[in-house]
Amino acid sequence: MDTRSRLSKSTECTILKPKNGHQTFTRYFAGSGFTEDIDNPGNLFPFAHRQSTYIVASSSTCEALADCAYFVQQIDYKSFDLHFYQSQGMWQCTAYFDKNSDSTFFSVKNYDVSEAYLYST
């Protein structure tokens, strides 16, 4: 089932500002069933590879988003995607060096992804 959406059904957690942070992240995609193509506008610089971390499944969506935003801010990257793998029971947060507000890059079909988000500064 394709449930991609450019607009979130919920207004909760649409803007994230990590504690003691200098960056504010805005949501550009919320959906399921897809992950982001790694060849996206946030991954244009060969010297700054994407970086990932995993977040425990017991975290709520907003907690996972806040943890991901904090991780991204700590490495001074500008965008991230966060998705939940049902079979693994965990969130994957992938940070990209540059900004990316283009949700059309959520084009990699993955039936295991029950929630997926794109945020950028």
N, C-alpha and C. Protein backbone atom coordinates (compact mmCIF):
# COMPACT_ATOMS: atom_id res chain seq x y z
N MET A 1 0.84 -1.17 0.00
CA MET A 1 0.00 0.00 0.00
C MET A 1 0.89 1.24 0.00
N ASP A 2 0.67 2.12 -0.94
CA ASP A 2 1.45 3.35 -1.07
C ASP A 2 0.76 4.44 -0.26
N THR A 3 1.41 4.86 0.81
CA THR A 3 0.82 5.91 1.64
C THR A 3 1.74 7.13 1.70
N ARG A 4 2.46 7.39 0.62
CA ARG A 4 3.33 8.56 0.59
C ARG A 4 2.47 9.82 0.70
N SER A 5 3.02 10.82 1.33
CA SER A 5 2.29 12.06 1.51
C SER A 5 3.28 13.20 1.63
N ARG A 6 2.99 14.30 0.99
CA ARG A 6 3.83 15.48 1.14
C ARG A 6 3.48 16.23 2.42
N LEU A 7 2.29 16.02 2.93
CA LEU A 7 1.86 16.68 4.14
C LEU A 7 1.54 15.64 5.20
N SER A 8 1.98 15.90 6.38
CA SER A 8 1.70 14.98 7.48
C SER A 8 0.23 15.05 7.85
N LYS A 9 -0.33 13.93 8.27
CA LYS A 9 -1.70 13.91 8.76
C LYS A 9 -1.76 14.54 10.15
N SER A 10 -0.63 14.67 10.79
CA SER A 10 -0.55 15.24 12.13
C SER A 10 0.35 16.47 12.09
N THR A 11 0.01 17.46 12.88
CA THR A 11 0.87 18.64 12.97
C THR A 11 1.91 18.47 14.05
N GLU A 12 1.85 17.36 14.80
CA GLU A 12 2.80 17.11 15.87
C GLU A 12 4.20 16.88 15.30
N CYS A 13 5.18 17.48 15.91
CA CYS A 13 6.59 17.29 15.55
C CYS A 13 6.92 17.73 14.12
N THR A 14 6.25 18.73 13.60
CA THR A 14 6.56 19.18 12.24
C THR A 14 7.80 20.07 12.20
N ILE A 15 8.11 20.73 13.31
CA ILE A 15 9.32 21.55 13.41
C ILE A 15 10.09 21.08 14.64
N LEU A 16 11.38 20.81 14.46
CA LEU A 16 12.22 20.31 15.55
C LEU A 16 13.37 21.26 15.81
N LYS A 17 13.58 21.60 17.05
CA LYS A 17 14.75 22.38 17.46
C LYS A 17 15.38 21.63 18.62
N PRO A 18 16.49 20.91 18.36
CA PRO A 18 17.14 20.14 19.42
C PRO A 18 17.54 21.03 20.60
N LYS A 19 17.51 20.44 21.78
CA LYS A 19 17.89 21.14 23.00
C LYS A 19 19.29 21.74 22.84
N ASN A 20 19.44 22.99 23.25
CA ASN A 20 20.71 23.72 23.15
C ASN A 20 21.21 23.78 21.71
N GLY A 21 20.29 23.72 20.78
CA GLY A 21 20.68 23.64 19.37
C GLY A 21 20.70 24.97 18.65
N HIS A 22 21.43 24.98 17.55
CA HIS A 22 21.52 26.16 16.71
C HIS A 22 20.77 25.95 15.39
N GLN A 23 20.22 24.76 15.19
CA GLN A 23 19.50 24.46 13.96
C GLN A 23 18.04 24.18 14.26
N THR A 24 17.19 24.52 13.30
CA THR A 24 15.78 24.17 13.35
C THR A 24 15.48 23.33 12.12
N PHE A 25 14.84 22.18 12.32
CA PHE A 25 14.52 21.27 11.22
C PHE A 25 13.02 21.30 10.96
N THR A 26 12.67 21.37 9.68
CA THR A 26 11.27 21.40 9.24
C THR A 26 10.96 20.13 8.48
N ARG A 27 9.77 19.59 8.70
CA ARG A 27 9.36 18.35 8.02
C ARG A 27 8.94 18.65 6.57
N TYR A 28 9.43 17.81 5.64
CA TYR A 28 9.07 17.92 4.22
C TYR A 28 8.41 16.65 3.69
N PHE A 29 8.44 15.58 4.46
CA PHE A 29 7.79 14.35 4.03
C PHE A 29 7.39 13.54 5.25
N ALA A 30 6.21 12.91 5.16
CA ALA A 30 5.77 11.92 6.15
C ALA A 30 4.97 10.88 5.39
N GLY A 31 5.34 9.63 5.53
CA GLY A 31 4.63 8.58 4.82
C GLY A 31 5.09 7.22 5.29
N SER A 32 4.84 6.20 4.48
CA SER A 32 5.27 4.84 4.79
C SER A 32 5.46 4.07 3.50
N GLY A 33 6.14 2.93 3.60
CA GLY A 33 6.33 2.07 2.43
C GLY A 33 7.47 2.48 1.51
N PHE A 34 8.19 3.55 1.87
CA PHE A 34 9.30 4.03 1.04
C PHE A 34 10.45 4.51 1.91
N THR A 35 11.67 4.41 1.37
CA THR A 35 12.83 5.06 1.97
C THR A 35 13.35 6.06 0.94
N GLU A 36 14.25 6.90 1.40
CA GLU A 36 14.81 7.94 0.53
C GLU A 36 15.95 7.40 -0.31
N ASP A 37 15.97 7.76 -1.57
CA ASP A 37 17.08 7.42 -2.46
C ASP A 37 18.33 8.13 -1.93
N ILE A 38 19.45 7.41 -1.83
CA ILE A 38 20.67 8.04 -1.30
C ILE A 38 21.24 9.09 -2.26
N ASP A 39 20.85 9.04 -3.51
CA ASP A 39 21.27 10.08 -4.46
C ASP A 39 20.25 11.21 -4.42
N ASN A 40 20.29 11.96 -3.33
CA ASN A 40 19.35 13.06 -3.14
C ASN A 40 20.12 14.36 -2.95
N PRO A 41 19.45 15.51 -3.00
CA PRO A 41 20.16 16.79 -2.89
C PRO A 41 20.97 16.97 -1.61
N GLY A 42 20.66 16.25 -0.56
CA GLY A 42 21.43 16.37 0.68
C GLY A 42 22.73 15.60 0.66
N ASN A 43 22.95 14.81 -0.38
CA ASN A 43 24.11 13.92 -0.46
C ASN A 43 24.96 14.22 -1.69
N LEU A 44 25.16 15.49 -1.99
CA LEU A 44 25.86 15.88 -3.20
C LEU A 44 27.37 15.97 -3.06
N PHE A 45 27.87 16.06 -1.84
CA PHE A 45 29.29 16.28 -1.63
C PHE A 45 30.00 14.97 -1.33
N PRO A 46 30.96 14.57 -2.18
CA PRO A 46 31.63 13.29 -1.98
C PRO A 46 32.47 13.21 -0.70
N PHE A 47 32.88 14.36 -0.16
CA PHE A 47 33.71 14.35 1.04
C PHE A 47 32.89 14.17 2.32
N ALA A 48 31.60 14.33 2.24
CA ALA A 48 30.74 14.25 3.42
C ALA A 48 29.71 13.15 3.23
N HIS A 49 30.09 11.96 3.58
CA HIS A 49 29.21 10.81 3.38
C HIS A 49 28.05 10.85 4.36
N ARG A 50 26.94 10.24 3.95
CA ARG A 50 25.80 10.13 4.87
C ARG A 50 26.22 9.31 6.08
N GLN A 51 25.61 9.59 7.20
CA GLN A 51 25.90 8.87 8.44
C GLN A 51 24.59 8.42 9.06
N SER A 52 24.61 7.21 9.63
CA SER A 52 23.38 6.65 10.21
C SER A 52 23.59 6.25 11.66
N THR A 53 22.49 6.24 12.37
CA THR A 53 22.44 5.71 13.73
C THR A 53 21.08 5.04 13.91
N TYR A 54 20.98 4.20 14.92
CA TYR A 54 19.72 3.50 15.20
C TYR A 54 19.17 3.96 16.53
N ILE A 55 17.85 3.99 16.62
CA ILE A 55 17.15 4.47 17.80
C ILE A 55 16.21 3.35 18.26
N VAL A 56 16.15 3.13 19.56
CA VAL A 56 15.35 2.03 20.09
C VAL A 56 13.87 2.18 19.76
N ALA A 57 13.23 1.04 19.53
CA ALA A 57 11.84 1.01 19.10
C ALA A 57 10.88 1.52 20.18
N SER A 58 11.30 1.49 21.43
CA SER A 58 10.41 1.95 22.50
C SER A 58 10.19 3.46 22.46
N SER A 59 10.98 4.16 21.68
CA SER A 59 10.80 5.60 21.54
C SER A 59 9.54 5.89 20.73
N SER A 60 8.80 6.91 21.16
CA SER A 60 7.66 7.36 20.36
C SER A 60 8.20 8.01 19.09
N THR A 61 7.33 8.27 18.14
CA THR A 61 7.75 8.92 16.90
C THR A 61 8.43 10.26 17.21
N CYS A 62 7.81 11.08 18.04
CA CYS A 62 8.38 12.39 18.34
C CYS A 62 9.71 12.27 19.08
N GLU A 63 9.83 11.30 19.98
CA GLU A 63 11.10 11.09 20.68
C GLU A 63 12.18 10.65 19.70
N ALA A 64 11.84 9.74 18.80
CA ALA A 64 12.81 9.28 17.80
C ALA A 64 13.23 10.43 16.89
N LEU A 65 12.29 11.26 16.49
CA LEU A 65 12.61 12.42 15.65
C LEU A 65 13.53 13.39 16.40
N ALA A 66 13.24 13.63 17.67
CA ALA A 66 14.08 14.53 18.46
C ALA A 66 15.49 13.96 18.62
N ASP A 67 15.60 12.66 18.88
CA ASP A 67 16.91 12.02 19.00
C ASP A 67 17.69 12.10 17.69
N CYS A 68 16.99 11.89 16.59
CA CYS A 68 17.63 11.95 15.27
C CYS A 68 18.11 13.38 14.99
N ALA A 69 17.26 14.36 15.25
CA ALA A 69 17.64 15.76 15.02
C ALA A 69 18.86 16.14 15.87
N TYR A 70 18.91 15.66 17.09
CA TYR A 70 20.05 15.94 17.96
C TYR A 70 21.33 15.32 17.38
N PHE A 71 21.24 14.07 16.91
CA PHE A 71 22.38 13.40 16.27
C PHE A 71 22.88 14.21 15.07
N VAL A 72 21.96 14.64 14.23
CA VAL A 72 22.31 15.39 13.01
C VAL A 72 22.96 16.72 13.37
N GLN A 73 22.42 17.38 14.37
CA GLN A 73 22.99 18.66 14.80
C GLN A 73 24.40 18.48 15.34
N GLN A 74 24.65 17.41 16.07
CA GLN A 74 25.97 17.17 16.65
C GLN A 74 27.06 17.00 15.60
N ILE A 75 26.70 16.46 14.44
CA ILE A 75 27.70 16.29 13.38
C ILE A 75 27.62 17.43 12.36
N ASP A 76 26.76 18.41 12.63
CA ASP A 76 26.60 19.62 11.82
C ASP A 76 26.18 19.32 10.38
N TYR A 77 25.30 18.35 10.22
CA TYR A 77 24.69 18.07 8.91
C TYR A 77 23.38 18.84 8.83
N LYS A 78 22.77 18.89 7.64
CA LYS A 78 21.62 19.79 7.43
C LYS A 78 20.29 19.09 7.16
N SER A 79 20.28 17.80 6.86
CA SER A 79 19.01 17.12 6.61
C SER A 79 19.10 15.68 7.08
N PHE A 80 17.93 15.07 7.26
CA PHE A 80 17.91 13.67 7.67
C PHE A 80 16.60 13.00 7.28
N ASP A 81 16.69 11.69 7.14
CA ASP A 81 15.47 10.89 7.04
C ASP A 81 15.45 9.92 8.22
N LEU A 82 14.26 9.63 8.66
CA LEU A 82 14.07 8.70 9.77
C LEU A 82 12.98 7.73 9.34
N HIS A 83 13.25 6.45 9.47
CA HIS A 83 12.21 5.47 9.14
C HIS A 83 12.24 4.32 10.13
N PHE A 84 11.05 3.71 10.29
CA PHE A 84 10.89 2.61 11.23
C PHE A 84 10.75 1.30 10.47
N TYR A 85 11.69 0.36 10.76
CA TYR A 85 11.64 -0.97 10.18
C TYR A 85 10.84 -1.89 11.10
N GLN A 86 9.68 -2.33 10.63
CA GLN A 86 8.82 -3.19 11.44
C GLN A 86 9.50 -4.51 11.82
N SER A 87 10.17 -5.17 10.86
CA SER A 87 10.76 -6.48 11.12
C SER A 87 11.91 -6.41 12.13
N GLN A 88 12.63 -5.30 12.15
CA GLN A 88 13.74 -5.13 13.09
C GLN A 88 13.30 -4.46 14.38
N GLY A 89 12.15 -3.81 14.34
CA GLY A 89 11.65 -3.11 15.51
C GLY A 89 12.53 -1.96 15.94
N MET A 90 13.08 -1.22 14.95
CA MET A 90 13.92 -0.09 15.30
C MET A 90 13.85 1.02 14.25
N TRP A 91 14.19 2.20 14.71
CA TRP A 91 14.27 3.38 13.86
C TRP A 91 15.68 3.49 13.28
N GLN A 92 15.77 3.91 12.01
CA GLN A 92 17.06 4.24 11.42
C GLN A 92 17.04 5.72 11.06
N CYS A 93 18.04 6.44 11.55
CA CYS A 93 18.21 7.87 11.28
C CYS A 93 19.41 8.02 10.36
N THR A 94 19.20 8.60 9.20
CA THR A 94 20.30 8.83 8.25
C THR A 94 20.46 10.33 8.03
N ALA A 95 21.66 10.83 8.30
CA ALA A 95 21.97 12.25 8.18
C ALA A 95 22.69 12.52 6.86
N TYR A 96 22.37 13.67 6.28
CA TYR A 96 22.99 14.11 5.03
C TYR A 96 23.61 15.49 5.25
N PHE A 97 24.73 15.72 4.58
CA PHE A 97 25.51 16.93 4.79
C PHE A 97 24.76 18.20 4.41
N ASP A 98 24.01 18.17 3.32
CA ASP A 98 23.39 19.38 2.81
C ASP A 98 21.87 19.36 3.00
N LYS A 99 21.25 20.47 2.70
CA LYS A 99 19.80 20.61 2.81
C LYS A 99 19.09 19.78 1.76
N ASN A 100 17.89 19.35 2.07
CA ASN A 100 17.06 18.62 1.12
C ASN A 100 15.60 18.74 1.53
N SER A 101 14.82 19.42 0.72
CA SER A 101 13.39 19.55 0.97
C SER A 101 12.56 18.87 -0.12
N ASP A 102 13.21 18.07 -0.96
CA ASP A 102 12.55 17.45 -2.10
C ASP A 102 12.06 16.04 -1.75
N SER A 103 10.78 15.92 -1.47
CA SER A 103 10.22 14.64 -1.04
C SER A 103 10.10 13.62 -2.17
N THR A 104 10.33 14.03 -3.41
CA THR A 104 10.23 13.08 -4.52
C THR A 104 11.32 12.02 -4.46
N PHE A 105 12.35 12.24 -3.64
CA PHE A 105 13.42 11.25 -3.50
C PHE A 105 13.03 10.09 -2.58
N PHE A 106 11.85 10.15 -1.97
CA PHE A 106 11.32 8.99 -1.25
C PHE A 106 10.70 8.07 -2.27
N SER A 107 11.56 7.38 -3.01
CA SER A 107 11.14 6.60 -4.17
C SER A 107 11.57 5.14 -4.11
N VAL A 108 12.24 4.74 -3.04
CA VAL A 108 12.72 3.36 -2.91
C VAL A 108 11.67 2.57 -2.12
N LYS A 109 10.93 1.71 -2.83
CA LYS A 109 9.85 0.95 -2.21
C LYS A 109 10.40 -0.01 -1.17
N ASN A 110 9.77 0.00 0.02
CA ASN A 110 10.17 -0.91 1.09
C ASN A 110 8.94 -1.17 1.96
N TYR A 111 8.35 -2.34 1.80
CA TYR A 111 7.13 -2.69 2.53
C TYR A 111 7.35 -2.81 4.03
N ASP A 112 8.59 -2.92 4.47
CA ASP A 112 8.91 -3.08 5.88
C ASP A 112 8.89 -1.74 6.63
N VAL A 113 8.86 -0.64 5.91
CA VAL A 113 8.90 0.69 6.53
C VAL A 113 7.48 1.16 6.84
N SER A 114 7.17 1.24 8.15
CA SER A 114 5.82 1.65 8.54
C SER A 114 5.69 3.16 8.74
N GLU A 115 6.81 3.84 8.97
CA GLU A 115 6.83 5.30 9.08
C GLU A 115 8.12 5.82 8.47
N ALA A 116 8.03 6.93 7.74
CA ALA A 116 9.21 7.55 7.13
C ALA A 116 9.04 9.06 7.13
N TYR A 117 10.15 9.77 7.42
CA TYR A 117 10.11 11.23 7.53
C TYR A 117 11.35 11.84 6.89
N LEU A 118 11.18 13.05 6.36
CA LEU A 118 12.29 13.84 5.84
C LEU A 118 12.25 15.20 6.52
N TYR A 119 13.37 15.60 7.09
CA TYR A 119 13.51 16.93 7.72
C TYR A 119 14.77 17.60 7.19
N SER A 120 14.72 18.92 7.13
CA SER A 120 15.89 19.69 6.70
C SER A 120 15.86 21.06 7.35
N THR A 121 17.05 21.67 7.41
CA THR A 121 17.15 23.04 7.93
C THR A 121 16.63 24.00 6.89
